[in-house]
Amino acid sequence: MSKTGVHGLLLTEAKYINLSLHYLEQVNIHVILNYLAVVIVIVIVVIVIVVVVIVVVVVVVVVVVVVIDDGTHTRVIVKSDCALPAR
């Protein structure tokens, strides 16, 4: 190589080292992308779980179970704001 004055075996070894470093960088990028994909899947699963919990809470709030105790009788009243389909 004319700029550095490196020739022969030393130049060949330097080229192989640079090539090896290039491949290692590529492997690191792939590993990072794989970890990123796993994190994205975990975030999506957590979001789905949160949405399911919110839906369950909304259903529980829509169907309110009120227990009335007048001293002699305990009644359970189910109040629903959503209509069930007729059979």
PDB file of N, CA and C in Angstrom:
ATOM      1  N   MET A   1       0.849  -1.162   0.000  1.00  0.00           N
ATOM      2  CA  MET A   1       0.000   0.000   0.000  1.00  0.00           C
ATOM      3  C   MET A   1       0.903   1.236   0.000  1.00  0.00           C
ATOM      4  N   SER A   2       0.635   2.165  -0.877  1.00  0.00           N
ATOM      5  CA  SER A   2       1.578   3.270  -1.055  1.00  0.00           C
ATOM      6  C   SER A   2       1.516   4.320   0.051  1.00  0.00           C
ATOM      7  N   LYS A   3       0.352   4.598   0.613  1.00  0.00           N
ATOM      8  CA  LYS A   3       0.256   5.648   1.642  1.00  0.00           C
ATOM      9  C   LYS A   3       0.954   5.247   2.932  1.00  0.00           C
ATOM     10  N   THR A   4       0.806   3.998   3.339  1.00  0.00           N
ATOM     11  CA  THR A   4       1.374   3.556   4.621  1.00  0.00           C
ATOM     12  C   THR A   4       2.712   2.854   4.462  1.00  0.00           C
ATOM     13  N   GLY A   5       3.004   2.442   3.291  1.00  0.00           N
ATOM     14  CA  GLY A   5       4.246   1.715   3.067  1.00  0.00           C
ATOM     15  C   GLY A   5       4.171   0.275   3.515  1.00  0.00           C
ATOM     16  N   VAL A   6       2.974  -0.233   3.764  1.00  0.00           N
ATOM     17  CA  VAL A   6       2.796  -1.610   4.214  1.00  0.00           C
ATOM     18  C   VAL A   6       2.637  -2.495   2.989  1.00  0.00           C
ATOM     19  N   HIS A   7       3.365  -3.613   2.967  1.00  0.00           N
ATOM     20  CA  HIS A   7       3.313  -4.526   1.825  1.00  0.00           C
ATOM     21  C   HIS A   7       3.335  -5.967   2.327  1.00  0.00           C
ATOM     22  N   GLY A   8       3.051  -6.885   1.409  1.00  0.00           N
ATOM     23  CA  GLY A   8       3.226  -8.306   1.671  1.00  0.00           C
ATOM     24  C   GLY A   8       2.308  -8.870   2.730  1.00  0.00           C
ATOM     25  N   LEU A   9       2.898  -9.667   3.615  1.00  0.00           N
ATOM     26  CA  LEU A   9       2.148 -10.392   4.640  1.00  0.00           C
ATOM     27  C   LEU A   9       1.430  -9.451   5.601  1.00  0.00           C
ATOM     28  N   LEU A  10       2.065  -8.368   5.990  1.00  0.00           N
ATOM     29  CA  LEU A  10       1.454  -7.421   6.918  1.00  0.00           C
ATOM     30  C   LEU A  10       0.199  -6.801   6.304  1.00  0.00           C
ATOM     31  N   LEU A  11       0.252  -6.451   5.023  1.00  0.00           N
ATOM     32  CA  LEU A  11      -0.909  -5.896   4.328  1.00  0.00           C
ATOM     33  C   LEU A  11      -2.030  -6.924   4.251  1.00  0.00           C
ATOM     34  N   THR A  12      -1.691  -8.159   3.933  1.00  0.00           N
ATOM     35  CA  THR A  12      -2.695  -9.225   3.855  1.00  0.00           C
ATOM     36  C   THR A  12      -3.360  -9.448   5.212  1.00  0.00           C
ATOM     37  N   GLU A  13      -2.577  -9.483   6.278  1.00  0.00           N
ATOM     38  CA  GLU A  13      -3.145  -9.676   7.618  1.00  0.00           C
ATOM     39  C   GLU A  13      -4.037  -8.519   8.002  1.00  0.00           C
ATOM     40  N   ALA A  14      -3.636  -7.292   7.651  1.00  0.00           N
ATOM     41  CA  ALA A  14      -4.462  -6.122   7.961  1.00  0.00           C
ATOM     42  C   ALA A  14      -5.798  -6.191   7.225  1.00  0.00           C
ATOM     43  N   LYS A  15      -5.757  -6.647   5.985  1.00  0.00           N
ATOM     44  CA  LYS A  15      -7.006  -6.788   5.223  1.00  0.00           C
ATOM     45  C   LYS A  15      -7.920  -7.823   5.858  1.00  0.00           C
ATOM     46  N   TYR A  16      -7.346  -8.966   6.290  1.00  0.00           N
ATOM     47  CA  TYR A  16      -8.167  -9.989   6.946  1.00  0.00           C
ATOM     48  C   TYR A  16      -8.740  -9.494   8.273  1.00  0.00           C
ATOM     49  N   ILE A  17      -7.962  -8.729   9.007  1.00  0.00           N
ATOM     50  CA  ILE A  17      -8.456  -8.175  10.271  1.00  0.00           C
ATOM     51  C   ILE A  17      -9.620  -7.231  10.007  1.00  0.00           C
ATOM     52  N   ASN A  18      -9.464  -6.372   9.007  1.00  0.00           N
ATOM     53  CA  ASN A  18     -10.556  -5.450   8.670  1.00  0.00           C
ATOM     54  C   ASN A  18     -11.805  -6.203   8.221  1.00  0.00           C
ATOM     55  N   LEU A  19     -11.606  -7.248   7.418  1.00  0.00           N
ATOM     56  CA  LEU A  19     -12.738  -8.049   6.967  1.00  0.00           C
ATOM     57  C   LEU A  19     -13.413  -8.747   8.149  1.00  0.00           C
ATOM     58  N   SER A  20     -12.623  -9.279   9.074  1.00  0.00           N
ATOM     59  CA  SER A  20     -13.184  -9.929  10.266  1.00  0.00           C
ATOM     60  C   SER A  20     -13.977  -8.947  11.107  1.00  0.00           C
ATOM     61  N   LEU A  21     -13.442  -7.744  11.274  1.00  0.00           N
ATOM     62  CA  LEU A  21     -14.162  -6.716  12.037  1.00  0.00           C
ATOM     63  C   LEU A  21     -15.479  -6.357  11.356  1.00  0.00           C
ATOM     64  N   HIS A  22     -15.450  -6.306  10.045  1.00  0.00           N
ATOM     65  CA  HIS A  22     -16.689  -6.015   9.302  1.00  0.00           C
ATOM     66  C   HIS A  22     -17.737  -7.096   9.566  1.00  0.00           C
ATOM     67  N   TYR A  23     -17.338  -8.374   9.502  1.00  0.00           N
ATOM     68  CA  TYR A  23     -18.280  -9.463   9.761  1.00  0.00           C
ATOM     69  C   TYR A  23     -18.791  -9.428  11.209  1.00  0.00           C
ATOM     70  N   LEU A  24     -17.915  -9.104  12.154  1.00  0.00           N
ATOM     71  CA  LEU A  24     -18.348  -9.003  13.555  1.00  0.00           C
ATOM     72  C   LEU A  24     -19.370  -7.885  13.733  1.00  0.00           C
ATOM     73  N   GLU A  25     -19.176  -6.776  13.052  1.00  0.00           N
ATOM     74  CA  GLU A  25     -20.157  -5.684  13.125  1.00  0.00           C
ATOM     75  C   GLU A  25     -21.502  -6.137  12.580  1.00  0.00           C
ATOM     76  N   GLN A  26     -21.469  -6.902  11.490  1.00  0.00           N
ATOM     77  CA  GLN A  26     -22.718  -7.397  10.917  1.00  0.00           C
ATOM     78  C   GLN A  26     -23.427  -8.348  11.874  1.00  0.00           C
ATOM     79  N   VAL A  27     -22.669  -9.223  12.524  1.00  0.00           N
ATOM     80  CA  VAL A  27     -23.254 -10.150  13.493  1.00  0.00           C
ATOM     81  C   VAL A  27     -23.865  -9.372  14.649  1.00  0.00           C
ATOM     82  N   ASN A  28     -23.165  -8.356  15.143  1.00  0.00           N
ATOM     83  CA  ASN A  28     -23.692  -7.551  16.238  1.00  0.00           C
ATOM     84  C   ASN A  28     -24.982  -6.859  15.843  1.00  0.00           C
ATOM     85  N   ILE A  29     -25.056  -6.377  14.616  1.00  0.00           N
ATOM     86  CA  ILE A  29     -26.284  -5.722  14.154  1.00  0.00           C
ATOM     87  C   ILE A  29     -27.429  -6.728  14.123  1.00  0.00           C
ATOM     88  N   HIS A  30     -27.169  -7.943  13.661  1.00  0.00           N
ATOM     89  CA  HIS A  30     -28.213  -8.966  13.618  1.00  0.00           C
ATOM     90  C   HIS A  30     -28.660  -9.359  15.021  1.00  0.00           C
ATOM     91  N   VAL A  31     -27.732  -9.468  15.943  1.00  0.00           N
ATOM     92  CA  VAL A  31     -28.086  -9.804  17.324  1.00  0.00           C
ATOM     93  C   VAL A  31     -28.953  -8.702  17.923  1.00  0.00           C
ATOM     94  N   ILE A  32     -28.569  -7.452  17.691  1.00  0.00           N
ATOM     95  CA  ILE A  32     -29.347  -6.328  18.208  1.00  0.00           C
ATOM     96  C   ILE A  32     -30.745  -6.328  17.603  1.00  0.00           C
ATOM     97  N   LEU A  33     -30.851  -6.591  16.303  1.00  0.00           N
ATOM     98  CA  LEU A  33     -32.163  -6.623  15.660  1.00  0.00           C
ATOM     99  C   LEU A  33     -33.017  -7.769  16.204  1.00  0.00           C
ATOM    100  N   ASN A  34     -32.391  -8.915  16.489  1.00  0.00           N
ATOM    101  CA  ASN A  34     -33.149 -10.028  17.078  1.00  0.00           C
ATOM    102  C   ASN A  34     -33.670  -9.668  18.460  1.00  0.00           C
ATOM    103  N   TYR A  35     -32.817  -9.046  19.290  1.00  0.00           N
ATOM    104  CA  TYR A  35     -33.271  -8.618  20.614  1.00  0.00           C
ATOM    105  C   TYR A  35     -34.375  -7.579  20.496  1.00  0.00           C
ATOM    106  N   LEU A  36     -34.245  -6.678  19.544  1.00  0.00           N
ATOM    107  CA  LEU A  36     -35.270  -5.661  19.342  1.00  0.00           C
ATOM    108  C   LEU A  36     -36.597  -6.306  18.943  1.00  0.00           C
ATOM    109  N   ALA A  37     -36.545  -7.321  18.099  1.00  0.00           N
ATOM    110  CA  ALA A  37     -37.763  -8.028  17.700  1.00  0.00           C
ATOM    111  C   ALA A  37     -38.416  -8.704  18.904  1.00  0.00           C
ATOM    112  N   VAL A  38     -37.616  -9.297  19.769  1.00  0.00           N
ATOM    113  CA  VAL A  38     -38.162  -9.943  20.975  1.00  0.00           C
ATOM    114  C   VAL A  38     -38.812  -8.905  21.884  1.00  0.00           C
ATOM    115  N   VAL A  39     -38.178  -7.762  22.049  1.00  0.00           N
ATOM    116  CA  VAL A  39     -38.739  -6.693  22.886  1.00  0.00           C
ATOM    117  C   VAL A  39     -40.051  -6.200  22.300  1.00  0.00           C
ATOM    118  N   ILE A  40     -40.111  -6.050  20.990  1.00  0.00           N
ATOM    119  CA  ILE A  40     -41.354  -5.597  20.352  1.00  0.00           C
ATOM    120  C   ILE A  40     -42.472  -6.607  20.573  1.00  0.00           C
ATOM    121  N   VAL A  41     -42.172  -7.889  20.458  1.00  0.00           N
ATOM    122  CA  VAL A  41     -43.190  -8.924  20.697  1.00  0.00           C
ATOM    123  C   VAL A  41     -43.665  -8.872  22.142  1.00  0.00           C
ATOM    124  N   ILE A  42     -42.749  -8.695  23.079  1.00  0.00           N
ATOM    125  CA  ILE A  42     -43.127  -8.615  24.500  1.00  0.00           C
ATOM    126  C   ILE A  42     -44.020  -7.406  24.735  1.00  0.00           C
ATOM    127  N   VAL A  43     -43.681  -6.270  24.138  1.00  0.00           N
ATOM    128  CA  VAL A  43     -44.500  -5.061  24.300  1.00  0.00           C
ATOM    129  C   VAL A  43     -45.889  -5.290  23.727  1.00  0.00           C
ATOM    130  N   ILE A  44     -45.982  -5.943  22.578  1.00  0.00           N
ATOM    131  CA  ILE A  44     -47.294  -6.220  21.979  1.00  0.00           C
ATOM    132  C   ILE A  44     -48.109  -7.144  22.878  1.00  0.00           C
ATOM    133  N   VAL A  45     -47.479  -8.153  23.448  1.00  0.00           N
ATOM    134  CA  VAL A  45     -48.192  -9.074  24.353  1.00  0.00           C
ATOM    135  C   VAL A  45     -48.690  -8.322  25.584  1.00  0.00           C
ATOM    136  N   VAL A  46     -47.859  -7.453  26.132  1.00  0.00           N
ATOM    137  CA  VAL A  46     -48.275  -6.671  27.306  1.00  0.00           C
ATOM    138  C   VAL A  46     -49.444  -5.763  26.948  1.00  0.00           C
ATOM    139  N   ILE A  47     -49.407  -5.139  25.774  1.00  0.00           N
ATOM    140  CA  ILE A  47     -50.511  -4.276  25.349  1.00  0.00           C
ATOM    141  C   ILE A  47     -51.794  -5.082  25.209  1.00  0.00           C
ATOM    142  N   VAL A  48     -51.701  -6.280  24.636  1.00  0.00           N
ATOM    143  CA  VAL A  48     -52.890  -7.131  24.495  1.00  0.00           C
ATOM    144  C   VAL A  48     -53.438  -7.503  25.865  1.00  0.00           C
ATOM    145  N   ILE A  49     -52.562  -7.842  26.799  1.00  0.00           N
ATOM    146  CA  ILE A  49     -53.017  -8.187  28.152  1.00  0.00           C
ATOM    147  C   ILE A  49     -53.705  -7.001  28.807  1.00  0.00           C
ATOM    148  N   VAL A  50     -53.135  -5.819  28.656  1.00  0.00           N
ATOM    149  CA  VAL A  50     -53.748  -4.610  29.242  1.00  0.00           C
ATOM    150  C   VAL A  50     -55.120  -4.361  28.624  1.00  0.00           C
ATOM    151  N   VAL A  51     -55.239  -4.522  27.317  1.00  0.00           N
ATOM    152  CA  VAL A  51     -56.532  -4.314  26.657  1.00  0.00           C
ATOM    153  C   VAL A  51     -57.555  -5.331  27.158  1.00  0.00           C
ATOM    154  N   VAL A  52     -57.140  -6.581  27.321  1.00  0.00           N
ATOM    155  CA  VAL A  52     -58.061  -7.604  27.831  1.00  0.00           C
ATOM    156  C   VAL A  52     -58.512  -7.258  29.247  1.00  0.00           C
ATOM    157  N   VAL A  53     -57.587  -6.811  30.079  1.00  0.00           N
ATOM    158  CA  VAL A  53     -57.944  -6.422  31.449  1.00  0.00           C
ATOM    159  C   VAL A  53     -58.919  -5.247  31.428  1.00  0.00           C
ATOM    160  N   ILE A  54     -58.684  -4.279  30.569  1.00  0.00           N
ATOM    161  CA  ILE A  54     -59.590  -3.129  30.473  1.00  0.00           C
ATOM    162  C   ILE A  54     -60.977  -3.576  30.031  1.00  0.00           C
ATOM    163  N   VAL A  55     -61.044  -4.484  29.061  1.00  0.00           N
ATOM    164  CA  VAL A  55     -62.338  -4.991  28.602  1.00  0.00           C
ATOM    165  C   VAL A  55     -63.059  -5.718  29.730  1.00  0.00           C
ATOM    166  N   VAL A  56     -62.339  -6.522  30.481  1.00  0.00           N
ATOM    167  CA  VAL A  56     -62.957  -7.238  31.605  1.00  0.00           C
ATOM    168  C   VAL A  56     -63.469  -6.251  32.642  1.00  0.00           C
ATOM    169  N   VAL A  57     -62.692  -5.223  32.948  1.00  0.00           N
ATOM    170  CA  VAL A  57     -63.131  -4.219  33.926  1.00  0.00           C
ATOM    171  C   VAL A  57     -64.371  -3.502  33.422  1.00  0.00           C
ATOM    172  N   VAL A  58     -64.404  -3.167  32.150  1.00  0.00           N
ATOM    173  CA  VAL A  58     -65.582  -2.489  31.592  1.00  0.00           C
ATOM    174  C   VAL A  58     -66.802  -3.392  31.673  1.00  0.00           C
ATOM    175  N   VAL A  59     -66.637  -4.661  31.378  1.00  0.00           N
ATOM    176  CA  VAL A  59     -67.772  -5.585  31.468  1.00  0.00           C
ATOM    177  C   VAL A  59     -68.257  -5.697  32.905  1.00  0.00           C
ATOM    178  N   VAL A  60     -67.335  -5.747  33.854  1.00  0.00           N
ATOM    179  CA  VAL A  60     -67.728  -5.827  35.268  1.00  0.00           C
ATOM    180  C   VAL A  60     -68.444  -4.554  35.689  1.00  0.00           C
ATOM    181  N   VAL A  61     -68.021  -3.415  35.181  1.00  0.00           N
ATOM    182  CA  VAL A  61     -68.677  -2.153  35.534  1.00  0.00           C
ATOM    183  C   VAL A  61     -70.048  -2.077  34.891  1.00  0.00           C
ATOM    184  N   VAL A  62     -70.206  -2.594  33.674  1.00  0.00           N
ATOM    185  CA  VAL A  62     -71.508  -2.558  32.999  1.00  0.00           C
ATOM    186  C   VAL A  62     -72.499  -3.470  33.694  1.00  0.00           C
ATOM    187  N   VAL A  63     -72.045  -4.637  34.122  1.00  0.00           N
ATOM    188  CA  VAL A  63     -72.922  -5.566  34.838  1.00  0.00           C
ATOM    189  C   VAL A  63     -72.599  -5.412  36.324  1.00  0.00           C
ATOM    190  N   VAL A  64     -73.415  -4.616  36.994  1.00  0.00           N
ATOM    191  CA  VAL A  64     -73.173  -4.318  38.404  1.00  0.00           C
ATOM    192  C   VAL A  64     -74.010  -5.255  39.258  1.00  0.00           C
ATOM    193  N   VAL A  65     -73.357  -5.881  40.212  1.00  0.00           N
ATOM    194  CA  VAL A  65     -74.065  -6.749  41.143  1.00  0.00           C
ATOM    195  C   VAL A  65     -74.174  -6.000  42.468  1.00  0.00           C
ATOM    196  N   VAL A  66     -75.406  -5.750  42.855  1.00  0.00           N
ATOM    197  CA  VAL A  66     -75.659  -4.996  44.084  1.00  0.00           C
ATOM    198  C   VAL A  66     -76.313  -5.936  45.094  1.00  0.00           C
ATOM    199  N   VAL A  67     -75.726  -6.003  46.249  1.00  0.00           N
ATOM    200  CA  VAL A  67     -76.307  -6.829  47.320  1.00  0.00           C
ATOM    201  C   VAL A  67     -76.991  -5.898  48.301  1.00  0.00           C
ATOM    202  N   ILE A  68     -78.303  -6.115  48.507  1.00  0.00           N
ATOM    203  CA  ILE A  68     -79.084  -5.296  49.426  1.00  0.00           C
ATOM    204  C   ILE A  68     -79.439  -6.153  50.632  1.00  0.00           C
ATOM    205  N   ASP A  69     -79.065  -5.674  51.805  1.00  0.00           N
ATOM    206  CA  ASP A  69     -79.375  -6.395  53.038  1.00  0.00           C
ATOM    207  C   ASP A  69     -80.303  -5.509  53.856  1.00  0.00           C
ATOM    208  N   ASP A  70     -81.582  -5.917  53.967  1.00  0.00           N
ATOM    209  CA  ASP A  70     -82.546  -5.128  54.743  1.00  0.00           C
ATOM    210  C   ASP A  70     -82.751  -5.699  56.134  1.00  0.00           C
ATOM    211  N   GLY A  71     -81.877  -6.541  56.574  1.00  0.00           N
ATOM    212  CA  GLY A  71     -81.967  -7.104  57.909  1.00  0.00           C
ATOM    213  C   GLY A  71     -82.574  -8.486  57.929  1.00  0.00           C
ATOM    214  N   THR A  72     -83.557  -8.759  57.056  1.00  0.00           N
ATOM    215  CA  THR A  72     -84.209 -10.062  57.039  1.00  0.00           C
ATOM    216  C   THR A  72     -83.918 -10.850  55.773  1.00  0.00           C
ATOM    217  N   HIS A  73     -83.737 -10.148  54.675  1.00  0.00           N
ATOM    218  CA  HIS A  73     -83.494 -10.809  53.399  1.00  0.00           C
ATOM    219  C   HIS A  73     -82.262 -10.191  52.720  1.00  0.00           C
ATOM    220  N   THR A  74     -81.513 -11.036  52.083  1.00  0.00           N
ATOM    221  CA  THR A  74     -80.406 -10.553  51.260  1.00  0.00           C
ATOM    222  C   THR A  74     -80.754 -10.859  49.815  1.00  0.00           C
ATOM    223  N   ARG A  75     -80.802  -9.799  49.017  1.00  0.00           N
ATOM    224  CA  ARG A  75     -81.153  -9.969  47.612  1.00  0.00           C
ATOM    225  C   ARG A  75     -79.952  -9.575  46.755  1.00  0.00           C
ATOM    226  N   VAL A  76     -79.794 -10.281  45.693  1.00  0.00           N
ATOM    227  CA  VAL A  76     -78.758  -9.934  44.719  1.00  0.00           C
ATOM    228  C   VAL A  76     -79.467  -9.412  43.474  1.00  0.00           C
ATOM    229  N   ILE A  77     -79.159  -8.170  43.125  1.00  0.00           N
ATOM    230  CA  ILE A  77     -79.767  -7.550  41.954  1.00  0.00           C
ATOM    231  C   ILE A  77     -78.673  -7.392  40.904  1.00  0.00           C
ATOM    232  N   VAL A  78     -78.929  -7.924  39.746  1.00  0.00           N
ATOM    233  CA  VAL A  78     -77.983  -7.775  38.647  1.00  0.00           C
ATOM    234  C   VAL A  78     -78.520  -6.711  37.717  1.00  0.00           C
ATOM    235  N   LYS A  79     -77.778  -5.636  37.596  1.00  0.00           N
ATOM    236  CA  LYS A  79     -78.180  -4.543  36.723  1.00  0.00           C
ATOM    237  C   LYS A  79     -77.252  -4.573  35.511  1.00  0.00           C
ATOM    238  N   SER A  80     -77.852  -4.628  34.347  1.00  0.00           N
ATOM    239  CA  SER A  80     -77.045  -4.677  33.137  1.00  0.00           C
ATOM    240  C   SER A  80     -77.498  -3.596  32.183  1.00  0.00           C
ATOM    241  N   ASP A  81     -76.552  -2.837  31.660  1.00  0.00           N
ATOM    242  CA  ASP A  81     -76.874  -1.807  30.683  1.00  0.00           C
ATOM    243  C   ASP A  81     -76.822  -2.342  29.264  1.00  0.00           C
ATOM    244  N   CYS A  82     -76.408  -3.593  29.112  1.00  0.00           N
ATOM    245  CA  CYS A  82     -76.357  -4.186  27.784  1.00  0.00           C
ATOM    246  C   CYS A  82     -77.417  -5.265  27.685  1.00  0.00           C
ATOM    247  N   ALA A  83     -78.088  -5.315  26.569  1.00  0.00           N
ATOM    248  CA  ALA A  83     -79.163  -6.280  26.370  1.00  0.00           C
ATOM    249  C   ALA A  83     -78.591  -7.595  25.875  1.00  0.00           C
ATOM    250  N   LEU A  84     -79.093  -8.677  26.431  1.00  0.00           N
ATOM    251  CA  LEU A  84     -78.692  -9.997  25.984  1.00  0.00           C
ATOM    252  C   LEU A  84     -79.562 -10.403  24.810  1.00  0.00           C
ATOM    253  N   PRO A  85     -79.043 -11.132  23.844  1.00  0.00           N
ATOM    254  CA  PRO A  85     -79.874 -11.534  22.695  1.00  0.00           C
ATOM    255  C   PRO A  85     -80.950 -12.528  23.121  1.00  0.00           C
ATOM    256  N   ALA A  86     -82.145 -12.356  22.510  1.00  0.00           N
ATOM    257  CA  ALA A  86     -83.259 -13.260  22.844  1.00  0.00           C
ATOM    258  C   ALA A  86     -83.040 -14.604  22.182  1.00  0.00           C
ATOM    259  N   ARG A  87     -83.503 -15.640  22.858  1.00  0.00           N
ATOM    260  CA  ARG A  87     -83.343 -17.001  22.309  1.00  0.00           C
ATOM    261  C   ARG A  87     -84.638 -17.468  21.700  1.00  0.00           C
TER     262      ARG A  87
END
